[in-house]
Protein backbone atom coordinates (compact mmCIF):
# COMPACT_ATOMS: atom_id res chain seq x y z
CA UNK A 1 -9.85 -25.19 -32.50
CA UNK A 2 -11.65 -24.66 -29.21
CA UNK A 3 -10.44 -21.60 -27.33
CA UNK A 4 -8.71 -22.01 -23.99
CA UNK A 5 -10.04 -19.83 -21.18
CA UNK A 6 -6.93 -18.86 -19.30
CA UNK A 7 -8.15 -15.26 -19.06
CA UNK A 8 -10.55 -16.60 -16.41
CA UNK A 9 -7.54 -17.69 -14.34
CA UNK A 10 -6.05 -14.21 -14.72
CA UNK A 11 -9.26 -12.60 -13.48
CA UNK A 12 -9.29 -15.04 -10.54
CA UNK A 13 -5.69 -14.14 -9.61
CA UNK A 14 -6.64 -10.46 -9.65
CA UNK A 15 -9.72 -11.26 -7.57
CA UNK A 16 -7.63 -13.21 -5.04
CA UNK A 17 -4.95 -10.57 -4.56
CA UNK A 18 -7.56 -7.85 -4.10
CA UNK A 19 -9.28 -9.93 -1.41
CA UNK A 20 -5.95 -10.17 0.40
CA UNK A 21 -5.28 -6.48 -0.26
CA UNK A 22 -8.50 -5.29 1.35
CA UNK A 23 -8.45 -7.65 4.32
CA UNK A 24 -4.96 -6.32 5.02
CA UNK A 25 -5.89 -2.65 4.73
CA UNK A 26 -9.15 -2.97 6.72
CA UNK A 27 -7.86 -5.18 9.55
CA UNK A 28 -6.60 -2.20 11.53
CA UNK A 29 -10.12 -0.76 11.84
CA UNK A 30 -11.03 -3.72 14.07
CA UNK A 31 -7.74 -3.73 15.94
CA UNK A 32 -7.48 0.03 16.53
CA UNK A 33 -9.48 0.03 19.82
CA UNK A 34 -7.05 -2.55 21.22
CA UNK A 35 -4.10 -0.56 19.89
CA UNK A 36 -5.48 2.60 21.50
CA UNK A 37 -5.57 0.86 24.87
CA UNK A 38 -2.16 -0.79 24.65
CA UNK A 39 -0.25 2.05 22.99
CA UNK A 40 -2.06 4.98 24.65
CA UNK A 41 -3.52 6.48 21.47
CA UNK A 42 -6.25 9.14 21.34
CA UNK A 43 -9.09 9.23 18.79
CA UNK A 44 -7.18 11.95 16.96
CA UNK A 45 -4.09 9.73 16.89
CA UNK A 46 -6.21 6.87 15.57
CA UNK A 47 -7.61 9.05 12.78
CA UNK A 48 -4.12 10.15 11.73
CA UNK A 49 -2.86 6.56 11.73
CA UNK A 50 -5.86 5.36 9.70
CA UNK A 51 -5.35 8.23 7.26
CA UNK A 52 -1.62 7.54 6.85
CA UNK A 53 -2.51 4.77 4.43
CA UNK A 54 -4.00 7.32 2.04
CA UNK A 55 -0.86 9.46 2.01
CA UNK A 56 1.37 6.55 1.04
CA UNK A 57 -1.22 5.26 -1.41
CA UNK A 58 -1.48 8.64 -3.15
CA UNK A 59 2.20 8.58 -4.08
CA UNK A 60 2.41 5.14 -5.65
CA UNK A 61 -1.03 4.70 -7.14
CA UNK A 62 -0.18 7.52 -9.56
CA UNK A 63 3.39 6.34 -10.18
CA UNK A 64 2.10 2.77 -10.23
CA UNK A 65 -0.02 3.55 -13.28
CA UNK A 66 3.05 4.93 -15.07
CA UNK A 67 5.10 1.90 -13.98
CA UNK A 68 2.50 -0.60 -15.21
CA UNK A 69 2.44 1.07 -18.63
CA UNK A 70 6.25 0.91 -18.68
CA UNK A 71 7.16 -2.40 -16.98
CA UNK A 72 3.91 -4.36 -17.04
CA UNK A 73 1.54 -5.63 -14.36
CA UNK A 74 3.49 -8.85 -13.73
CA UNK A 75 6.59 -7.26 -12.21
CA UNK A 76 4.92 -4.24 -10.62
CA UNK A 77 2.25 -6.21 -8.79
CA UNK A 78 4.69 -8.88 -7.59
CA UNK A 79 6.99 -6.27 -6.03
CA UNK A 80 4.03 -4.40 -4.54
CA UNK A 81 2.63 -7.55 -2.89
CA UNK A 82 6.02 -8.38 -1.37
CA UNK A 83 6.25 -4.89 0.14
CA UNK A 84 2.73 -4.79 1.54
CA UNK A 85 3.23 -8.22 3.11
CA UNK A 86 6.26 -6.79 4.91
CA UNK A 87 4.27 -3.74 6.03
CA UNK A 88 1.57 -5.97 7.54
CA UNK A 89 4.21 -7.85 9.50
CA UNK A 90 5.68 -4.51 10.63
CA UNK A 91 2.24 -3.39 11.86
CA UNK A 92 2.16 -6.34 14.24
CA UNK A 93 5.56 -5.29 15.61
CA UNK A 94 4.64 -1.62 16.17
CA UNK A 95 5.61 -0.18 19.56
CA UNK A 96 3.93 3.23 19.46
CA UNK A 97 2.34 5.97 17.38
CA UNK A 98 5.36 6.59 15.16
CA UNK A 99 6.11 2.99 14.22
CA UNK A 100 2.41 2.28 13.64
CA UNK A 101 2.12 5.40 11.49
CA UNK A 102 5.17 4.41 9.44
CA UNK A 103 3.89 0.84 8.98
CA UNK A 104 0.52 2.14 7.83
CA UNK A 105 2.17 4.59 5.42
CA UNK A 106 4.29 1.77 3.98
CA UNK A 107 1.13 -0.31 3.48
CA UNK A 108 -0.37 2.54 1.45
CA UNK A 109 2.82 2.97 -0.58
CA UNK A 110 3.00 -0.73 -1.40
CA UNK A 111 -0.71 -1.21 -2.17
CA UNK A 112 -0.89 1.83 -4.45
CA UNK A 113 -0.02 0.01 -7.71
CA UNK A 114 -2.64 -2.74 -7.20
CA UNK A 115 -5.54 -1.21 -9.11
CA UNK A 116 -3.50 0.31 -11.95
CA UNK A 117 -2.00 -3.16 -12.41
CA UNK A 118 -5.46 -4.73 -12.28
CA UNK A 119 -6.74 -2.33 -14.94
CA UNK A 120 -3.66 -2.84 -17.11
CA UNK A 121 -4.01 -6.62 -16.89
CA UNK A 122 -7.73 -6.56 -17.75
CA UNK A 123 -7.17 -4.19 -20.69
CA UNK A 124 -4.57 -6.62 -22.09
CA UNK A 125 -6.42 -9.87 -21.38
CA UNK A 126 -10.08 -9.08 -22.21
CA UNK A 127 -11.80 -7.74 -25.33
CA UNK A 128 -13.40 -4.27 -24.85
CA UNK A 129 -16.97 -5.60 -24.68
CA UNK A 130 -16.10 -7.86 -21.72
CA UNK A 131 -13.88 -5.55 -19.69
CA UNK A 132 -16.48 -4.05 -17.34
CA UNK A 133 -17.74 -7.55 -16.56
CA UNK A 134 -14.19 -8.77 -15.88
CA UNK A 135 -13.49 -5.70 -13.77
CA UNK A 136 -16.72 -6.39 -11.91
CA UNK A 137 -15.59 -9.94 -11.11
CA UNK A 138 -12.19 -8.71 -9.95
CA UNK A 139 -13.53 -5.70 -8.04
CA UNK A 140 -16.28 -7.65 -6.28
CA UNK A 141 -13.37 -8.92 -4.21
CA UNK A 142 -13.33 -5.56 -2.40
CA UNK A 143 -16.72 -5.79 -0.64
CA UNK A 144 -16.38 -9.56 -0.35
CA UNK A 145 -13.04 -9.14 1.41
CA UNK A 146 -14.57 -6.58 3.75
CA UNK A 147 -17.56 -8.86 4.41
CA UNK A 148 -15.50 -11.91 5.31
CA UNK A 149 -12.65 -9.87 6.72
CA UNK A 150 -14.72 -8.53 9.63
CA UNK A 151 -15.59 -11.91 11.14
CA UNK A 152 -12.16 -13.36 10.29
CA UNK A 153 -10.20 -10.52 11.88
CA UNK A 154 -12.44 -10.18 14.93
CA UNK A 155 -12.24 -13.93 15.56
CA UNK A 156 -8.47 -13.85 15.20
CA UNK A 157 -8.37 -10.94 17.62
CA UNK A 158 -10.50 -12.87 20.11
CA UNK A 159 -8.19 -15.90 19.94
CA UNK A 160 -4.83 -14.19 19.38
CA UNK A 161 -3.72 -10.69 20.31
CA UNK A 162 -3.60 -7.98 17.64
CA UNK A 163 0.09 -8.53 17.02
CA UNK A 164 -0.26 -12.22 16.12
CA UNK A 165 -3.34 -11.40 14.03
CA UNK A 166 -1.17 -9.29 11.74
CA UNK A 167 1.39 -12.10 11.68
CA UNK A 168 -1.25 -14.44 10.25
CA UNK A 169 -2.24 -11.82 7.65
CA UNK A 170 1.42 -11.47 6.66
CA UNK A 171 1.63 -15.19 5.86
CA UNK A 172 -1.56 -15.09 3.76
CA UNK A 173 -0.36 -12.06 1.79
CA UNK A 174 3.03 -13.35 0.80
CA UNK A 175 1.71 -16.76 -0.33
CA UNK A 176 0.03 -15.19 -3.40
CA UNK A 177 3.22 -13.77 -4.94
CA UNK A 178 4.78 -16.93 -6.46
CA UNK A 179 1.44 -17.96 -8.00
CA UNK A 180 1.14 -14.63 -9.78
CA UNK A 181 4.69 -14.51 -11.06
CA UNK A 182 4.62 -18.08 -12.41
CA UNK A 183 1.17 -17.98 -14.04
CA UNK A 184 0.76 -14.42 -15.37
CA UNK A 185 2.28 -12.81 -18.46
CA UNK A 186 1.75 -9.20 -19.52
CA UNK A 187 1.10 -10.23 -23.12
CA UNK A 188 -1.39 -13.11 -23.52
CA UNK A 189 0.54 -14.18 -26.64
CA UNK A 190 3.51 -15.03 -24.41
CA UNK A 191 1.53 -17.33 -22.14
CA UNK A 192 1.88 -21.05 -22.82
CA UNK A 193 -1.64 -21.49 -21.42
CA UNK A 194 -3.29 -19.45 -24.21
CA UNK A 195 -4.00 -20.94 -27.64
CA UNK A 196 -4.59 -19.10 -30.92
CA UNK A 197 -8.38 -19.20 -30.59
CA UNK A 198 -8.35 -17.57 -27.16
CA UNK A 199 -5.87 -14.99 -28.41
CA UNK A 200 -8.23 -14.13 -31.27
CA UNK A 201 -11.05 -13.75 -28.74
CA UNK A 202 -8.95 -11.44 -26.54
CA UNK A 203 -8.03 -9.26 -29.52
CA UNK A 204 -11.58 -9.06 -30.88
CA UNK A 205 -12.82 -5.50 -31.37
CA UNK A 206 -9.36 -3.95 -31.07
CA UNK A 207 -7.28 -2.03 -33.51
CA UNK A 208 -3.50 -2.26 -33.25
CA UNK A 209 -1.43 -4.14 -30.68
CA UNK A 210 -3.63 -3.27 -27.70
CA UNK A 211 -3.29 -1.25 -24.50
CA UNK A 212 0.13 -0.84 -22.99
CA UNK A 213 1.87 -2.65 -25.83
CA UNK A 214 4.43 0.10 -26.33
CA UNK A 215 5.83 -0.33 -22.81
CA UNK A 216 6.93 3.29 -22.66
CA UNK A 217 6.55 5.96 -20.01
CA UNK A 218 3.61 8.27 -20.80
CA UNK A 219 4.65 11.56 -22.36
CA UNK A 220 3.83 14.99 -20.92
CA UNK A 221 1.39 15.51 -23.79
CA UNK A 222 -0.43 12.26 -22.98
CA UNK A 223 -0.66 13.11 -19.28
CA UNK A 224 -1.94 16.60 -20.11
CA UNK A 225 -4.61 15.04 -22.33
CA UNK A 226 -5.74 12.79 -19.47
CA UNK A 227 -5.90 15.76 -17.09
CA UNK A 228 -7.93 17.94 -19.46
CA UNK A 229 -10.43 15.38 -20.72
CA UNK A 230 -13.76 16.47 -19.19
CA UNK A 231 -15.13 12.93 -18.86
CA UNK A 232 -12.01 11.64 -17.14
CA UNK A 233 -11.85 14.67 -14.81
CA UNK A 234 -15.46 14.16 -13.68
CA UNK A 235 -14.80 10.44 -13.42
CA UNK A 236 -11.86 11.22 -11.12
CA UNK A 237 -14.07 13.36 -8.87
CA UNK A 238 -16.86 10.79 -8.74
CA UNK A 239 -14.33 8.14 -7.84
CA UNK A 240 -12.95 10.39 -5.07
CA UNK A 241 -16.46 10.58 -3.64
CA UNK A 242 -16.84 6.82 -3.88
CA UNK A 243 -13.48 6.51 -2.11
CA UNK A 244 -14.64 8.82 0.68
CA UNK A 245 -17.65 6.57 1.29
CA UNK A 246 -15.53 3.44 1.15
CA UNK A 247 -12.79 4.66 3.49
CA UNK A 248 -15.29 6.15 5.93
CA UNK A 249 -17.09 2.84 6.32
CA UNK A 250 -13.94 0.73 6.07
CA UNK A 251 -12.05 2.60 8.80
CA UNK A 252 -14.77 3.94 11.11
CA UNK A 253 -17.77 1.62 10.80
CA UNK A 254 -16.62 -0.76 13.59
CA UNK A 255 -15.96 2.19 15.91
CA UNK A 256 -19.30 3.80 14.97
CA UNK A 257 -21.25 0.64 15.79
CA UNK A 258 -19.31 0.24 19.03
CA UNK A 259 -19.69 3.88 20.10
CA UNK A 260 -23.25 4.58 18.95
CA UNK A 261 -24.83 1.23 19.85
CA UNK A 262 -22.47 -0.35 22.37
CA UNK A 263 -21.71 -3.43 20.28
CA UNK A 264 -18.86 -5.65 21.45
CA UNK A 265 -15.88 -6.39 19.20
CA UNK A 266 -17.13 -9.81 18.06
CA UNK A 267 -20.64 -8.41 17.44
CA UNK A 268 -19.24 -5.59 15.31
CA UNK A 269 -17.70 -8.11 12.92
CA UNK A 270 -21.07 -9.76 12.37
CA UNK A 271 -22.93 -6.47 11.81
CA UNK A 272 -20.45 -5.36 9.13
CA UNK A 273 -21.09 -8.43 6.98
CA UNK A 274 -24.46 -7.38 5.49
CA UNK A 275 -23.37 -4.01 3.98
CA UNK A 276 -20.32 -5.49 2.29
CA UNK A 277 -22.16 -8.57 1.00
CA UNK A 278 -24.85 -6.32 -0.47
CA UNK A 279 -22.10 -4.26 -2.10
CA UNK A 280 -20.55 -7.41 -3.58
CA UNK A 281 -23.86 -8.38 -5.19
CA UNK A 282 -24.48 -4.84 -6.47
CA UNK A 283 -20.98 -4.50 -7.90
CA UNK A 284 -21.16 -7.86 -9.69
CA UNK A 285 -24.66 -7.28 -11.06
CA UNK A 286 -24.10 -3.68 -12.18
CA UNK A 287 -20.76 -4.54 -13.81
CA UNK A 288 -22.54 -7.09 -15.99
CA UNK A 289 -25.44 -4.71 -16.58
CA UNK A 290 -23.04 -1.97 -17.70
CA UNK A 291 -21.60 -4.20 -20.43
CA UNK A 292 -25.11 -5.37 -21.37
CA UNK A 293 -26.22 -1.76 -21.80
CA UNK A 294 -23.18 -1.05 -23.95
CA UNK A 295 -23.91 -4.05 -26.18
CA UNK A 296 -27.62 -3.20 -26.57
CA UNK A 297 -27.41 0.60 -26.87
CA UNK A 298 -23.89 1.15 -28.14
CA UNK A 299 -23.72 4.24 -25.90
CA UNK A 300 -21.15 4.67 -23.15
CA UNK A 301 -23.20 7.54 -21.73
CA UNK A 302 -25.98 5.07 -20.92
CA UNK A 303 -23.75 2.18 -19.89
CA UNK A 304 -21.33 4.16 -17.71
CA UNK A 305 -22.43 7.75 -16.94
CA UNK A 306 -26.04 7.16 -15.92
CA UNK A 307 -25.01 4.18 -13.83
CA UNK A 308 -22.48 6.28 -11.90
CA UNK A 309 -24.89 9.18 -11.34
CA UNK A 310 -27.76 6.92 -10.27
CA UNK A 311 -25.78 4.90 -7.74
CA UNK A 312 -24.27 7.99 -6.15
CA UNK A 313 -27.71 9.59 -5.83
CA UNK A 314 -28.99 6.53 -3.97
CA UNK A 315 -25.91 6.56 -1.71
CA UNK A 316 -26.39 10.25 -0.93
CA UNK A 317 -29.98 9.73 0.18
CA UNK A 318 -29.28 6.53 2.11
CA UNK A 319 -26.92 8.07 4.68
CA UNK A 320 -29.41 10.77 5.73
CA UNK A 321 -31.53 8.48 7.96
CA UNK A 322 -28.32 7.00 9.40
CA UNK A 323 -27.29 10.49 10.53
CA UNK A 324 -30.71 11.38 11.95
CA UNK A 325 -31.78 8.10 13.59
CA UNK A 326 -30.75 6.40 16.83
CA UNK A 327 -32.21 3.05 15.79
CA UNK A 328 -29.73 0.22 15.06
CA UNK A 329 -31.97 -1.40 12.43
CA UNK A 330 -32.38 1.90 10.56
CA UNK A 331 -28.65 2.53 10.77
CA UNK A 332 -27.71 -0.90 9.43
CA UNK A 333 -30.31 -0.65 6.65
CA UNK A 334 -29.15 2.81 5.59
CA UNK A 335 -25.49 1.85 5.74
CA UNK A 336 -26.19 -1.29 3.71
CA UNK A 337 -27.92 0.68 0.95
CA UNK A 338 -25.26 3.41 0.99
CA UNK A 339 -22.34 0.98 0.81
CA UNK A 340 -23.98 -1.14 -1.90
CA UNK A 341 -24.95 1.87 -4.00
CA UNK A 342 -21.63 3.67 -3.69
CA UNK A 343 -19.75 0.53 -4.75
CA UNK A 344 -22.26 -0.62 -7.36
CA UNK A 345 -20.76 1.37 -10.25
CA UNK A 346 -17.16 0.53 -9.35
CA UNK A 347 -16.53 -1.46 -12.53
CA UNK A 348 -17.95 1.42 -14.59
CA UNK A 349 -15.43 3.89 -13.11
CA UNK A 350 -12.59 1.59 -14.10
CA UNK A 351 -14.02 0.81 -17.52
CA UNK A 352 -14.28 4.52 -18.37
CA UNK A 353 -10.47 4.73 -18.30
CA UNK A 354 -10.23 1.90 -20.82
CA UNK A 355 -13.13 3.30 -22.88
CA UNK A 356 -11.75 6.83 -23.11
CA UNK A 357 -7.97 6.26 -23.03
CA UNK A 358 -7.28 2.66 -24.09
CA UNK A 359 -3.59 3.24 -24.85
CA UNK A 360 -2.97 4.69 -21.39
CA UNK A 361 -5.60 2.90 -19.32
CA UNK A 362 -3.21 2.16 -16.44
CA UNK A 363 -1.95 5.75 -16.32
CA UNK A 364 -5.51 7.12 -16.40
CA UNK A 365 -6.41 4.70 -13.62
CA UNK A 366 -3.36 5.82 -11.65
CA UNK A 367 -4.56 9.43 -11.82
CA UNK A 368 -8.07 8.37 -10.80
CA UNK A 369 -6.71 6.27 -7.97
CA UNK A 370 -4.63 9.23 -6.77
CA UNK A 371 -7.86 11.05 -5.92
CA UNK A 372 -9.11 7.84 -4.33
CA UNK A 373 -5.97 7.80 -2.20
CA UNK A 374 -6.57 11.39 -1.12
CA UNK A 375 -10.04 10.33 0.01
CA UNK A 376 -8.35 7.52 1.92
CA UNK A 377 -6.52 10.17 3.91
CA UNK A 378 -9.36 12.69 4.15
CA UNK A 379 -12.21 10.41 5.27
CA UNK A 380 -10.54 8.89 8.36
CA UNK A 381 -8.71 12.07 9.41
CA UNK A 382 -11.70 14.42 9.04
CA UNK A 383 -13.91 11.92 10.86
CA UNK A 384 -11.38 11.54 13.68
CA UNK A 385 -11.12 15.32 13.95
CA UNK A 386 -14.92 15.72 14.09
CA UNK A 387 -15.17 13.02 16.73
CA UNK A 388 -12.57 14.80 18.81
CA UNK A 389 -14.57 18.03 18.63
CA UNK A 390 -18.18 16.86 18.97
CA UNK A 391 -18.03 13.16 19.81
CA UNK A 392 -20.63 12.43 17.11
CA UNK A 393 -20.66 10.88 13.63
CA UNK A 394 -23.61 13.00 12.40
CA UNK A 395 -21.50 15.67 10.66
CA UNK A 396 -19.49 12.96 8.92
CA UNK A 397 -22.62 11.41 7.42
CA UNK A 398 -24.04 14.73 6.24
CA UNK A 399 -20.73 15.66 4.58
CA UNK A 400 -20.92 12.40 2.61
CA UNK A 401 -24.40 13.32 1.38
CA UNK A 402 -23.15 16.67 0.09
CA UNK A 403 -20.16 15.11 -1.67
CA UNK A 404 -22.29 12.49 -3.41
CA UNK A 405 -24.85 15.05 -4.62
CA UNK A 406 -22.06 17.20 -6.10
CA UNK A 407 -20.85 14.14 -7.99
CA UNK A 408 -24.32 13.44 -9.41
CA UNK A 409 -24.61 16.98 -10.78
CA UNK A 410 -21.15 16.94 -12.38
CA UNK A 411 -21.61 13.52 -13.98
CA UNK A 412 -24.94 14.46 -15.53
CA UNK A 413 -23.49 17.71 -16.85
CA UNK A 414 -20.01 16.78 -18.07
CA UNK A 415 -19.50 12.98 -18.20
CA UNK A 416 -19.70 12.18 -21.95
CA UNK A 417 -17.42 9.20 -22.70
CA UNK A 418 -18.78 8.67 -26.23
CA UNK A 419 -17.71 12.13 -27.33
CA UNK A 420 -14.46 12.24 -25.37
CA UNK A 421 -12.98 8.82 -26.15
CA UNK A 422 -9.60 8.55 -27.86
CA UNK A 423 -8.75 6.07 -30.63
CA UNK A 424 -7.39 2.67 -29.56
């Protein structure tokens, strides 16, 4: 019997919702100058509003991992997408700082479970040796969304006002929900689109019923184990640093290009395409390379740890000329390398949770994503605060270099997934 390939459809659904997710969360970075003018916001206000997403996200990305392990990705992600669609519509109806802050917080709360659900779905639908590749395909949606989102949002803003732009994004977000709920099942064996041959392929290389099969809340002992595992702890820190890079560029890059080089709104959208497209290519290629290294060497240290350390080293060095130069070409080149490198190992971060804690992959991812959420608050708020004090982005870039270098040192010293993995 020839195997069906419905797991490809599942990966595509995860890819699609993450594209929508990131266009929604990044749209405000293009609209914020218009909001500042209309609603009378300061740069400090803008930084707090941009950072509000991270506060809401921090709460539910952690709880979202627990919920996915208990209730499954199908229900959790459907409810989350409904709520973030509503929050996008509410953003377009904001009348001042408070309502905009609340709408942004709600967006963070509702988008928090997305990546724990993604990880839980991949751990259930793909065999271990294909999970980093599948995560790479799903996660490449992040830079791709940011690449296409810039021109899309800036063109919508040039044709519509910012309020109607968020109305259009609301319609796009909510359209995904029925597709997901009808097509996806938490257990591949329960899907009428999966035959026995594909099910055998999905279960290849596993022992027992597979990740998340128990559908129980994680115990205190299990959570303690996740919080004391040296590889996971370093992975959490490295992912925080990656998140700081991502949220810095996602929330402040349009304003940086406008302030430092006088680019108009429509021009900013074009100039943000290259860094995110480069990141999409790097993420896709390195996700596949990570699984290739695992197959050829059999060592997670080579396939995951060295990839994470190497990409963060490149990102650390790439932002230095951006901070020290006043040349647009140098800035765009440095930003492109930094964004691509920082995102390149994204699939490896996610795969480490499945590698080390397969039974609680979604919970481990929720903890990791909690730190990511904190970076989503810290990067925009600290940058807004620095801008209010000095009116320059230089300190923000240099801080990113220091964070990335700390991550490189810790990964090389303590990130040992082969030794620290738990039985499936």
